[in-house]
Amino acid sequence: MLKIIGGSSRGILLAAPKGRHTRPTLGRVRESIFNVLANVGIIDTKIIDLFAGTGAMGLEALSRGASSSVFIDQATRRILLENIRRTHNEGRCSVIGSDIYAGLGRLAGQKFDYVFLDPPYHSSHIQKVLEILAAESLLAENAVVIAEHGEDETLMDGNNSAFQLWKLSRFGETAVSYLKYIKT
């Protein structure tokens, strides 16, 4: 049972895909992430939730005061729309039901404060997404990318000087890296 854990939508149950293997961010991990973000400010920020699944991360951010969220996930568009409706966020969200890379290409000219990035573990998606975010200037000054990954994964290959590891948290086999955007 997945639900919003804080803010104005607290307690609202979220729909989840049936028959699909998804790995929603655990409640304790989500709570930890939002405790960190509360210290740097989430009010009136713009969010991208990549590999969004149920949309729990972006919807949690909206519940806690973010102004808008874009959700990108090719497989869960209907679930995302249902969860946006359940949390009464229709006017504050947009859903791009496409490949992550094509979806990012549709955001040209926009700037985001936080990016939630939760791809399949042990894939090369994180590095590729970081490169696109920097190259396409999709990040506001001091933006933070919150990437969930396997605790044994090397997150950045050292070739991307646009980001600096700000904080790393571990939760068993899961790690969460907070990458601060550094304009180059």
N, C-alpha and C. Protein backbone atom coordinates (compact mmCIF):
# COMPACT_ATOMS: atom_id res chain seq x y z
N MET A 1 0.85 -1.18 0.00
CA MET A 1 0.00 0.00 0.00
C MET A 1 0.89 1.24 0.00
N LEU A 2 0.84 1.99 -1.07
CA LEU A 2 1.66 3.17 -1.26
C LEU A 2 0.81 4.41 -1.06
N LYS A 3 1.27 5.32 -0.22
CA LYS A 3 0.51 6.53 0.03
C LYS A 3 1.43 7.72 0.21
N ILE A 4 0.86 8.91 0.08
CA ILE A 4 1.59 10.15 0.33
C ILE A 4 1.81 10.23 1.83
N ILE A 5 3.04 10.56 2.26
CA ILE A 5 3.35 10.48 3.68
C ILE A 5 3.43 11.81 4.39
N GLY A 6 3.37 12.93 3.67
CA GLY A 6 3.42 14.22 4.35
C GLY A 6 2.76 15.31 3.54
N GLY A 7 2.47 16.43 4.20
CA GLY A 7 1.94 17.59 3.51
C GLY A 7 0.44 17.56 3.29
N SER A 8 -0.02 18.35 2.35
CA SER A 8 -1.45 18.55 2.12
C SER A 8 -2.18 17.31 1.60
N SER A 9 -1.48 16.39 0.97
CA SER A 9 -2.10 15.16 0.45
C SER A 9 -1.80 13.95 1.32
N ARG A 10 -1.31 14.19 2.51
CA ARG A 10 -0.92 13.11 3.42
C ARG A 10 -2.03 12.08 3.56
N GLY A 11 -1.63 10.80 3.43
CA GLY A 11 -2.55 9.70 3.63
C GLY A 11 -3.28 9.24 2.39
N ILE A 12 -3.22 9.98 1.30
CA ILE A 12 -3.91 9.58 0.08
C ILE A 12 -3.20 8.36 -0.52
N LEU A 13 -3.99 7.31 -0.77
CA LEU A 13 -3.45 6.09 -1.37
C LEU A 13 -3.22 6.29 -2.86
N LEU A 14 -2.11 5.76 -3.35
CA LEU A 14 -1.76 5.87 -4.76
C LEU A 14 -2.03 4.54 -5.47
N ALA A 15 -2.50 4.66 -6.69
CA ALA A 15 -2.67 3.47 -7.54
C ALA A 15 -1.29 2.98 -7.97
N ALA A 16 -1.17 1.69 -8.16
CA ALA A 16 0.09 1.09 -8.63
C ALA A 16 -0.22 0.18 -9.81
N PRO A 17 0.73 0.04 -10.73
CA PRO A 17 0.50 -0.83 -11.88
C PRO A 17 0.27 -2.28 -11.46
N LYS A 18 -0.68 -2.92 -12.11
CA LYS A 18 -0.95 -4.33 -11.83
C LYS A 18 -0.18 -5.19 -12.84
N GLY A 19 0.41 -6.26 -12.34
CA GLY A 19 1.08 -7.19 -13.22
C GLY A 19 2.41 -6.71 -13.77
N ARG A 20 2.88 -5.56 -13.35
CA ARG A 20 4.18 -5.03 -13.80
C ARG A 20 5.12 -5.01 -12.61
N HIS A 21 6.35 -5.28 -12.88
CA HIS A 21 7.34 -5.20 -11.81
C HIS A 21 7.77 -3.74 -11.69
N THR A 22 7.44 -3.13 -10.57
CA THR A 22 7.91 -1.78 -10.28
C THR A 22 8.59 -1.83 -8.93
N ARG A 23 9.42 -0.84 -8.67
CA ARG A 23 10.14 -0.77 -7.42
C ARG A 23 9.93 0.62 -6.83
N PRO A 24 8.75 0.83 -6.22
CA PRO A 24 8.51 2.16 -5.66
C PRO A 24 9.49 2.46 -4.53
N THR A 25 9.84 3.72 -4.39
CA THR A 25 10.72 4.13 -3.32
C THR A 25 10.04 3.86 -1.99
N LEU A 26 10.72 3.18 -1.10
CA LEU A 26 10.17 2.84 0.20
C LEU A 26 9.80 4.09 0.98
N GLY A 27 8.77 3.99 1.81
CA GLY A 27 8.32 5.12 2.61
C GLY A 27 9.41 5.73 3.46
N ARG A 28 10.24 4.90 4.09
CA ARG A 28 11.30 5.45 4.94
C ARG A 28 12.37 6.17 4.12
N VAL A 29 12.61 5.70 2.90
CA VAL A 29 13.57 6.36 2.03
C VAL A 29 12.99 7.70 1.56
N ARG A 30 11.71 7.68 1.16
CA ARG A 30 11.04 8.91 0.74
C ARG A 30 11.03 9.94 1.87
N GLU A 31 10.72 9.49 3.08
CA GLU A 31 10.70 10.39 4.23
C GLU A 31 12.08 11.01 4.46
N SER A 32 13.12 10.21 4.37
CA SER A 32 14.49 10.70 4.53
C SER A 32 14.83 11.75 3.46
N ILE A 33 14.47 11.46 2.22
CA ILE A 33 14.74 12.40 1.13
C ILE A 33 14.06 13.74 1.39
N PHE A 34 12.80 13.70 1.79
CA PHE A 34 12.08 14.96 2.00
C PHE A 34 12.51 15.68 3.27
N ASN A 35 13.06 14.97 4.24
CA ASN A 35 13.65 15.65 5.39
C ASN A 35 14.88 16.44 4.95
N VAL A 36 15.69 15.85 4.08
CA VAL A 36 16.86 16.56 3.54
C VAL A 36 16.41 17.79 2.75
N LEU A 37 15.42 17.60 1.86
CA LEU A 37 14.98 18.70 1.01
C LEU A 37 14.29 19.81 1.80
N ALA A 38 13.65 19.47 2.91
CA ALA A 38 13.02 20.49 3.74
C ALA A 38 14.05 21.48 4.28
N ASN A 39 15.27 20.99 4.48
CA ASN A 39 16.33 21.86 4.99
C ASN A 39 16.88 22.82 3.94
N VAL A 40 16.71 22.51 2.66
CA VAL A 40 17.20 23.40 1.61
C VAL A 40 16.06 24.12 0.90
N GLY A 41 14.83 23.69 1.13
CA GLY A 41 13.66 24.38 0.59
C GLY A 41 13.00 23.68 -0.57
N ILE A 42 11.73 23.38 -0.42
CA ILE A 42 10.97 22.73 -1.49
C ILE A 42 9.79 23.59 -1.93
N ILE A 43 9.44 24.60 -1.14
CA ILE A 43 8.29 25.46 -1.44
C ILE A 43 8.54 26.19 -2.76
N ASP A 44 7.50 26.19 -3.62
CA ASP A 44 7.52 26.90 -4.90
C ASP A 44 8.64 26.46 -5.84
N THR A 45 8.98 25.20 -5.82
CA THR A 45 10.01 24.68 -6.73
C THR A 45 9.37 23.90 -7.87
N LYS A 46 10.13 23.73 -8.95
CA LYS A 46 9.69 22.95 -10.11
C LYS A 46 10.43 21.62 -10.11
N ILE A 47 9.67 20.56 -10.36
CA ILE A 47 10.16 19.19 -10.21
C ILE A 47 10.07 18.44 -11.54
N ILE A 48 11.04 17.53 -11.78
CA ILE A 48 10.90 16.49 -12.81
C ILE A 48 11.01 15.16 -12.08
N ASP A 49 10.09 14.27 -12.33
CA ASP A 49 10.11 12.92 -11.77
C ASP A 49 10.32 11.96 -12.95
N LEU A 50 11.55 11.43 -13.08
CA LEU A 50 11.93 10.56 -14.19
C LEU A 50 11.85 9.10 -13.79
N PHE A 51 11.44 8.26 -14.72
CA PHE A 51 11.14 6.86 -14.41
C PHE A 51 10.11 6.89 -13.28
N ALA A 52 9.08 7.69 -13.47
CA ALA A 52 8.17 8.11 -12.40
C ALA A 52 7.36 6.98 -11.79
N GLY A 53 7.04 5.94 -12.52
CA GLY A 53 6.24 4.85 -11.95
C GLY A 53 4.89 5.35 -11.48
N THR A 54 4.66 5.32 -10.18
CA THR A 54 3.39 5.79 -9.60
C THR A 54 3.35 7.31 -9.46
N GLY A 55 4.51 7.96 -9.57
CA GLY A 55 4.58 9.40 -9.36
C GLY A 55 4.72 9.80 -7.91
N ALA A 56 5.01 8.83 -7.04
CA ALA A 56 5.06 9.11 -5.60
C ALA A 56 6.03 10.23 -5.24
N MET A 57 7.18 10.29 -5.88
CA MET A 57 8.16 11.32 -5.52
C MET A 57 7.68 12.71 -5.90
N GLY A 58 7.25 12.89 -7.14
CA GLY A 58 6.76 14.20 -7.56
C GLY A 58 5.51 14.62 -6.82
N LEU A 59 4.61 13.67 -6.57
CA LEU A 59 3.37 13.99 -5.84
C LEU A 59 3.66 14.32 -4.38
N GLU A 60 4.63 13.64 -3.80
CA GLU A 60 5.06 13.97 -2.42
C GLU A 60 5.62 15.39 -2.38
N ALA A 61 6.42 15.75 -3.39
CA ALA A 61 6.97 17.11 -3.45
C ALA A 61 5.86 18.14 -3.56
N LEU A 62 4.86 17.88 -4.40
CA LEU A 62 3.73 18.80 -4.52
C LEU A 62 2.97 18.91 -3.20
N SER A 63 2.78 17.80 -2.53
CA SER A 63 2.09 17.79 -1.24
C SER A 63 2.81 18.65 -0.21
N ARG A 64 4.12 18.74 -0.36
CA ARG A 64 4.94 19.49 0.60
C ARG A 64 5.27 20.90 0.14
N GLY A 65 4.65 21.36 -0.96
CA GLY A 65 4.78 22.76 -1.33
C GLY A 65 5.43 23.08 -2.66
N ALA A 66 5.90 22.09 -3.40
CA ALA A 66 6.44 22.38 -4.73
C ALA A 66 5.33 22.96 -5.61
N SER A 67 5.68 23.78 -6.58
CA SER A 67 4.66 24.44 -7.39
C SER A 67 4.19 23.60 -8.58
N SER A 68 5.09 22.79 -9.15
CA SER A 68 4.69 22.00 -10.32
C SER A 68 5.61 20.80 -10.48
N SER A 69 5.10 19.81 -11.22
CA SER A 69 5.91 18.62 -11.48
C SER A 69 5.61 18.08 -12.87
N VAL A 70 6.67 17.66 -13.55
CA VAL A 70 6.56 16.94 -14.81
C VAL A 70 6.94 15.50 -14.52
N PHE A 71 6.11 14.57 -14.97
CA PHE A 71 6.35 13.15 -14.79
C PHE A 71 6.66 12.54 -16.14
N ILE A 72 7.74 11.77 -16.21
CA ILE A 72 8.07 11.09 -17.46
C ILE A 72 8.23 9.60 -17.18
N ASP A 73 7.39 8.83 -17.85
CA ASP A 73 7.47 7.37 -17.77
C ASP A 73 6.64 6.79 -18.91
N GLN A 74 7.24 5.98 -19.71
CA GLN A 74 6.56 5.43 -20.88
C GLN A 74 5.51 4.38 -20.49
N ALA A 75 5.76 3.62 -19.45
CA ALA A 75 4.91 2.47 -19.13
C ALA A 75 3.74 2.78 -18.20
N THR A 76 3.78 3.89 -17.47
CA THR A 76 2.77 4.08 -16.41
C THR A 76 1.95 5.36 -16.57
N ARG A 77 1.77 5.83 -17.77
CA ARG A 77 1.05 7.08 -18.00
C ARG A 77 -0.34 7.08 -17.35
N ARG A 78 -1.12 6.02 -17.53
CA ARG A 78 -2.47 5.97 -16.95
C ARG A 78 -2.45 6.01 -15.43
N ILE A 79 -1.51 5.30 -14.83
CA ILE A 79 -1.38 5.30 -13.37
C ILE A 79 -1.02 6.70 -12.88
N LEU A 80 -0.10 7.34 -13.58
CA LEU A 80 0.28 8.70 -13.20
C LEU A 80 -0.92 9.65 -13.24
N LEU A 81 -1.69 9.59 -14.32
CA LEU A 81 -2.87 10.46 -14.43
C LEU A 81 -3.88 10.17 -13.32
N GLU A 82 -4.07 8.90 -12.97
CA GLU A 82 -4.97 8.53 -11.89
C GLU A 82 -4.47 9.09 -10.55
N ASN A 83 -3.19 8.98 -10.28
CA ASN A 83 -2.64 9.47 -9.01
C ASN A 83 -2.64 10.99 -8.92
N ILE A 84 -2.45 11.64 -10.04
CA ILE A 84 -2.57 13.11 -10.06
C ILE A 84 -4.01 13.51 -9.72
N ARG A 85 -4.98 12.79 -10.29
CA ARG A 85 -6.39 13.06 -9.98
C ARG A 85 -6.68 12.79 -8.51
N ARG A 86 -6.20 11.67 -7.99
CA ARG A 86 -6.45 11.32 -6.58
C ARG A 86 -5.92 12.37 -5.62
N THR A 87 -4.79 12.98 -5.97
CA THR A 87 -4.18 13.98 -5.09
C THR A 87 -4.60 15.41 -5.43
N HIS A 88 -5.53 15.55 -6.38
CA HIS A 88 -6.08 16.86 -6.76
C HIS A 88 -5.00 17.82 -7.26
N ASN A 89 -4.11 17.32 -8.09
CA ASN A 89 -3.01 18.14 -8.62
C ASN A 89 -3.08 18.34 -10.12
N GLU A 90 -4.27 18.21 -10.70
CA GLU A 90 -4.41 18.28 -12.15
C GLU A 90 -3.80 19.54 -12.76
N GLY A 91 -3.94 20.66 -12.15
CA GLY A 91 -3.45 21.91 -12.71
C GLY A 91 -1.98 22.18 -12.49
N ARG A 92 -1.33 21.31 -11.73
CA ARG A 92 0.08 21.55 -11.39
C ARG A 92 1.03 20.53 -12.00
N CYS A 93 0.49 19.62 -12.82
CA CYS A 93 1.29 18.51 -13.33
C CYS A 93 1.16 18.37 -14.83
N SER A 94 2.18 17.79 -15.41
CA SER A 94 2.08 17.31 -16.78
C SER A 94 2.75 15.95 -16.84
N VAL A 95 2.21 15.09 -17.70
CA VAL A 95 2.71 13.73 -17.84
C VAL A 95 3.18 13.55 -19.28
N ILE A 96 4.40 13.08 -19.41
CA ILE A 96 4.95 12.75 -20.72
C ILE A 96 5.10 11.23 -20.75
N GLY A 97 4.25 10.59 -21.51
CA GLY A 97 4.25 9.14 -21.61
C GLY A 97 5.13 8.68 -22.74
N SER A 98 6.43 8.89 -22.59
CA SER A 98 7.37 8.51 -23.64
C SER A 98 8.66 8.02 -23.02
N ASP A 99 9.56 7.60 -23.88
CA ASP A 99 10.92 7.28 -23.50
C ASP A 99 11.50 8.48 -22.73
N ILE A 100 12.30 8.21 -21.71
CA ILE A 100 12.87 9.26 -20.87
C ILE A 100 13.63 10.30 -21.71
N TYR A 101 14.42 9.85 -22.64
CA TYR A 101 15.27 10.76 -23.40
C TYR A 101 14.45 11.63 -24.35
N ALA A 102 13.45 11.06 -24.99
CA ALA A 102 12.56 11.85 -25.84
C ALA A 102 11.77 12.84 -24.99
N GLY A 103 11.34 12.39 -23.81
CA GLY A 103 10.60 13.26 -22.90
C GLY A 103 11.41 14.45 -22.44
N LEU A 104 12.67 14.22 -22.12
CA LEU A 104 13.53 15.34 -21.72
C LEU A 104 13.70 16.33 -22.86
N GLY A 105 13.76 15.83 -24.08
CA GLY A 105 13.88 16.69 -25.25
C GLY A 105 12.69 17.62 -25.42
N ARG A 106 11.54 17.24 -24.88
CA ARG A 106 10.33 18.08 -24.99
C ARG A 106 10.29 19.19 -23.94
N LEU A 107 11.27 19.25 -23.07
CA LEU A 107 11.27 20.25 -21.99
C LEU A 107 12.18 21.44 -22.25
N ALA A 108 12.66 21.58 -23.48
CA ALA A 108 13.58 22.67 -23.83
C ALA A 108 13.03 24.02 -23.38
N GLY A 109 13.90 24.83 -22.82
CA GLY A 109 13.53 26.17 -22.39
C GLY A 109 13.01 26.25 -20.96
N GLN A 110 12.77 25.11 -20.33
CA GLN A 110 12.29 25.10 -18.95
C GLN A 110 13.46 24.88 -17.99
N LYS A 111 13.29 25.33 -16.76
CA LYS A 111 14.31 25.14 -15.72
C LYS A 111 13.66 24.47 -14.52
N PHE A 112 14.34 23.50 -13.95
CA PHE A 112 13.81 22.73 -12.84
C PHE A 112 14.76 22.82 -11.64
N ASP A 113 14.16 22.81 -10.45
CA ASP A 113 14.93 22.91 -9.21
C ASP A 113 15.36 21.55 -8.67
N TYR A 114 14.49 20.54 -8.83
CA TYR A 114 14.78 19.19 -8.35
C TYR A 114 14.42 18.17 -9.42
N VAL A 115 15.27 17.16 -9.54
CA VAL A 115 15.00 16.06 -10.45
C VAL A 115 15.07 14.78 -9.63
N PHE A 116 13.97 14.02 -9.63
CA PHE A 116 13.96 12.70 -9.00
C PHE A 116 14.24 11.69 -10.10
N LEU A 117 15.23 10.87 -9.87
CA LEU A 117 15.72 9.96 -10.89
C LEU A 117 15.85 8.56 -10.27
N ASP A 118 14.96 7.67 -10.70
CA ASP A 118 14.92 6.32 -10.12
C ASP A 118 14.83 5.27 -11.22
N PRO A 119 15.92 5.13 -12.02
CA PRO A 119 15.91 4.14 -13.10
C PRO A 119 16.13 2.73 -12.56
N PRO A 120 16.00 1.74 -13.43
CA PRO A 120 16.37 0.39 -12.99
C PRO A 120 17.82 0.40 -12.49
N TYR A 121 18.05 -0.30 -11.39
CA TYR A 121 19.40 -0.36 -10.84
C TYR A 121 20.34 -1.02 -11.84
N HIS A 122 21.60 -0.66 -11.74
CA HIS A 122 22.68 -1.22 -12.57
C HIS A 122 22.43 -1.00 -14.06
N SER A 123 21.93 0.18 -14.39
CA SER A 123 21.78 0.57 -15.79
C SER A 123 22.64 1.81 -16.00
N SER A 124 22.78 2.24 -17.22
CA SER A 124 23.60 3.42 -17.50
C SER A 124 22.75 4.69 -17.59
N HIS A 125 21.51 4.60 -17.18
CA HIS A 125 20.60 5.74 -17.34
C HIS A 125 21.01 6.98 -16.55
N ILE A 126 21.51 6.84 -15.34
CA ILE A 126 21.81 8.01 -14.52
C ILE A 126 22.83 8.90 -15.22
N GLN A 127 23.93 8.33 -15.66
CA GLN A 127 24.97 9.13 -16.33
C GLN A 127 24.42 9.80 -17.58
N LYS A 128 23.64 9.09 -18.38
CA LYS A 128 23.08 9.65 -19.61
C LYS A 128 22.12 10.80 -19.29
N VAL A 129 21.28 10.63 -18.28
CA VAL A 129 20.33 11.69 -17.91
C VAL A 129 21.08 12.92 -17.41
N LEU A 130 22.11 12.73 -16.60
CA LEU A 130 22.89 13.87 -16.11
C LEU A 130 23.49 14.66 -17.27
N GLU A 131 24.01 13.95 -18.26
CA GLU A 131 24.59 14.62 -19.43
C GLU A 131 23.54 15.45 -20.16
N ILE A 132 22.35 14.89 -20.34
CA ILE A 132 21.27 15.61 -21.04
C ILE A 132 20.81 16.82 -20.23
N LEU A 133 20.62 16.65 -18.93
CA LEU A 133 20.17 17.77 -18.09
C LEU A 133 21.12 18.95 -18.20
N ALA A 134 22.42 18.67 -18.16
CA ALA A 134 23.42 19.74 -18.25
C ALA A 134 23.48 20.32 -19.66
N ALA A 135 23.53 19.46 -20.67
CA ALA A 135 23.68 19.92 -22.06
C ALA A 135 22.48 20.73 -22.53
N GLU A 136 21.29 20.37 -22.08
CA GLU A 136 20.06 21.06 -22.52
C GLU A 136 19.67 22.20 -21.59
N SER A 137 20.50 22.50 -20.60
CA SER A 137 20.26 23.61 -19.66
C SER A 137 18.88 23.53 -19.02
N LEU A 138 18.51 22.34 -18.55
CA LEU A 138 17.19 22.13 -17.95
C LEU A 138 17.17 22.41 -16.45
N LEU A 139 18.31 22.77 -15.88
CA LEU A 139 18.39 22.93 -14.43
C LEU A 139 18.57 24.38 -14.02
N ALA A 140 17.84 24.75 -12.98
CA ALA A 140 17.99 26.08 -12.39
C ALA A 140 19.32 26.13 -11.63
N GLU A 141 19.73 27.32 -11.30
CA GLU A 141 20.94 27.47 -10.50
C GLU A 141 20.76 26.75 -9.17
N ASN A 142 21.76 26.00 -8.76
CA ASN A 142 21.75 25.22 -7.51
C ASN A 142 20.72 24.10 -7.50
N ALA A 143 20.30 23.64 -8.65
CA ALA A 143 19.36 22.52 -8.72
C ALA A 143 20.02 21.27 -8.13
N VAL A 144 19.18 20.35 -7.70
CA VAL A 144 19.66 19.10 -7.12
C VAL A 144 18.98 17.93 -7.82
N VAL A 145 19.79 16.96 -8.21
CA VAL A 145 19.28 15.71 -8.75
C VAL A 145 19.37 14.68 -7.63
N ILE A 146 18.23 14.06 -7.33
CA ILE A 146 18.17 13.03 -6.30
C ILE A 146 18.05 11.70 -7.03
N ALA A 147 19.13 10.92 -7.00
CA ALA A 147 19.19 9.67 -7.76
C ALA A 147 19.18 8.48 -6.82
N GLU A 148 18.22 7.59 -7.04
CA GLU A 148 18.16 6.34 -6.28
C GLU A 148 18.84 5.26 -7.12
N HIS A 149 19.72 4.49 -6.48
CA HIS A 149 20.48 3.49 -7.22
C HIS A 149 20.93 2.38 -6.27
N GLY A 150 21.47 1.32 -6.83
CA GLY A 150 22.02 0.25 -6.02
C GLY A 150 23.20 0.75 -5.21
N GLU A 151 23.31 0.29 -3.97
CA GLU A 151 24.37 0.82 -3.10
C GLU A 151 25.77 0.47 -3.60
N ASP A 152 25.88 -0.51 -4.48
CA ASP A 152 27.18 -0.92 -5.00
C ASP A 152 27.51 -0.28 -6.35
N GLU A 153 26.65 0.62 -6.83
CA GLU A 153 26.87 1.25 -8.13
C GLU A 153 27.76 2.48 -8.03
N THR A 154 28.60 2.66 -9.03
CA THR A 154 29.34 3.91 -9.18
C THR A 154 28.44 4.84 -9.96
N LEU A 155 28.15 5.96 -9.38
CA LEU A 155 27.12 6.83 -9.95
C LEU A 155 27.62 7.66 -11.12
N MET A 156 28.75 8.31 -10.96
CA MET A 156 29.25 9.19 -12.01
C MET A 156 30.62 8.68 -12.46
N ASP A 157 30.87 8.82 -13.76
CA ASP A 157 32.12 8.31 -14.31
C ASP A 157 33.27 9.30 -14.24
N GLY A 158 33.06 10.46 -13.65
CA GLY A 158 34.12 11.45 -13.52
C GLY A 158 34.21 12.40 -14.70
N ASN A 159 33.50 12.13 -15.78
CA ASN A 159 33.54 12.99 -16.96
C ASN A 159 32.54 14.13 -16.89
N ASN A 160 31.66 14.12 -15.91
CA ASN A 160 30.61 15.13 -15.85
C ASN A 160 30.91 16.10 -14.72
N SER A 161 31.56 17.19 -15.05
CA SER A 161 31.94 18.17 -14.03
C SER A 161 30.81 19.14 -13.71
N ALA A 162 29.64 18.95 -14.30
CA ALA A 162 28.50 19.83 -14.04
C ALA A 162 27.81 19.48 -12.73
N PHE A 163 28.18 18.34 -12.10
CA PHE A 163 27.54 17.91 -10.87
C PHE A 163 28.57 17.57 -9.81
N GLN A 164 28.18 17.84 -8.58
CA GLN A 164 29.03 17.51 -7.44
C GLN A 164 28.19 16.72 -6.44
N LEU A 165 28.74 15.62 -5.95
CA LEU A 165 28.04 14.84 -4.94
C LEU A 165 27.95 15.68 -3.68
N TRP A 166 26.72 15.94 -3.26
CA TRP A 166 26.47 16.78 -2.09
C TRP A 166 26.22 15.92 -0.86
N LYS A 167 25.49 14.83 -1.05
CA LYS A 167 25.14 13.97 0.07
C LYS A 167 24.86 12.57 -0.46
N LEU A 168 25.18 11.57 0.35
CA LEU A 168 24.91 10.18 0.00
C LEU A 168 24.30 9.51 1.21
N SER A 169 23.16 8.84 1.01
CA SER A 169 22.50 8.09 2.08
C SER A 169 22.36 6.65 1.62
N ARG A 170 22.50 5.73 2.58
CA ARG A 170 22.37 4.30 2.27
C ARG A 170 21.25 3.70 3.09
N PHE A 171 20.48 2.82 2.44
CA PHE A 171 19.38 2.11 3.08
C PHE A 171 19.46 0.66 2.63
N GLY A 172 20.29 -0.13 3.26
CA GLY A 172 20.47 -1.52 2.84
C GLY A 172 21.08 -1.57 1.45
N GLU A 173 20.38 -2.20 0.50
CA GLU A 173 20.88 -2.33 -0.86
C GLU A 173 20.60 -1.12 -1.73
N THR A 174 19.94 -0.12 -1.16
CA THR A 174 19.58 1.10 -1.89
C THR A 174 20.44 2.26 -1.42
N ALA A 175 20.87 3.08 -2.36
CA ALA A 175 21.57 4.32 -2.04
C ALA A 175 20.84 5.48 -2.70
N VAL A 176 20.92 6.64 -2.07
CA VAL A 176 20.35 7.86 -2.63
C VAL A 176 21.47 8.89 -2.68
N SER A 177 21.78 9.35 -3.88
CA SER A 177 22.80 10.38 -4.08
C SER A 177 22.12 11.69 -4.40
N TYR A 178 22.58 12.74 -3.75
CA TYR A 178 22.11 14.09 -3.99
C TYR A 178 23.22 14.80 -4.75
N LEU A 179 22.95 15.15 -6.00
CA LEU A 179 23.94 15.74 -6.87
C LEU A 179 23.59 17.20 -7.13
N LYS A 180 24.45 18.08 -6.70
CA LYS A 180 24.20 19.51 -6.87
C LYS A 180 24.73 19.94 -8.24
N TYR A 181 23.90 20.70 -8.92
CA TYR A 181 24.27 21.19 -10.24
C TYR A 181 25.23 22.36 -10.09
N ILE A 182 26.36 22.27 -10.74
CA ILE A 182 27.38 23.31 -10.72
C ILE A 182 27.49 23.83 -12.14
N LYS A 183 27.10 25.05 -12.37
CA LYS A 183 27.23 25.60 -13.73
C LYS A 183 28.68 25.60 -14.14
N THR A 184 28.93 25.14 -15.37
CA THR A 184 30.32 25.09 -15.84
C THR A 184 30.57 26.13 -16.90
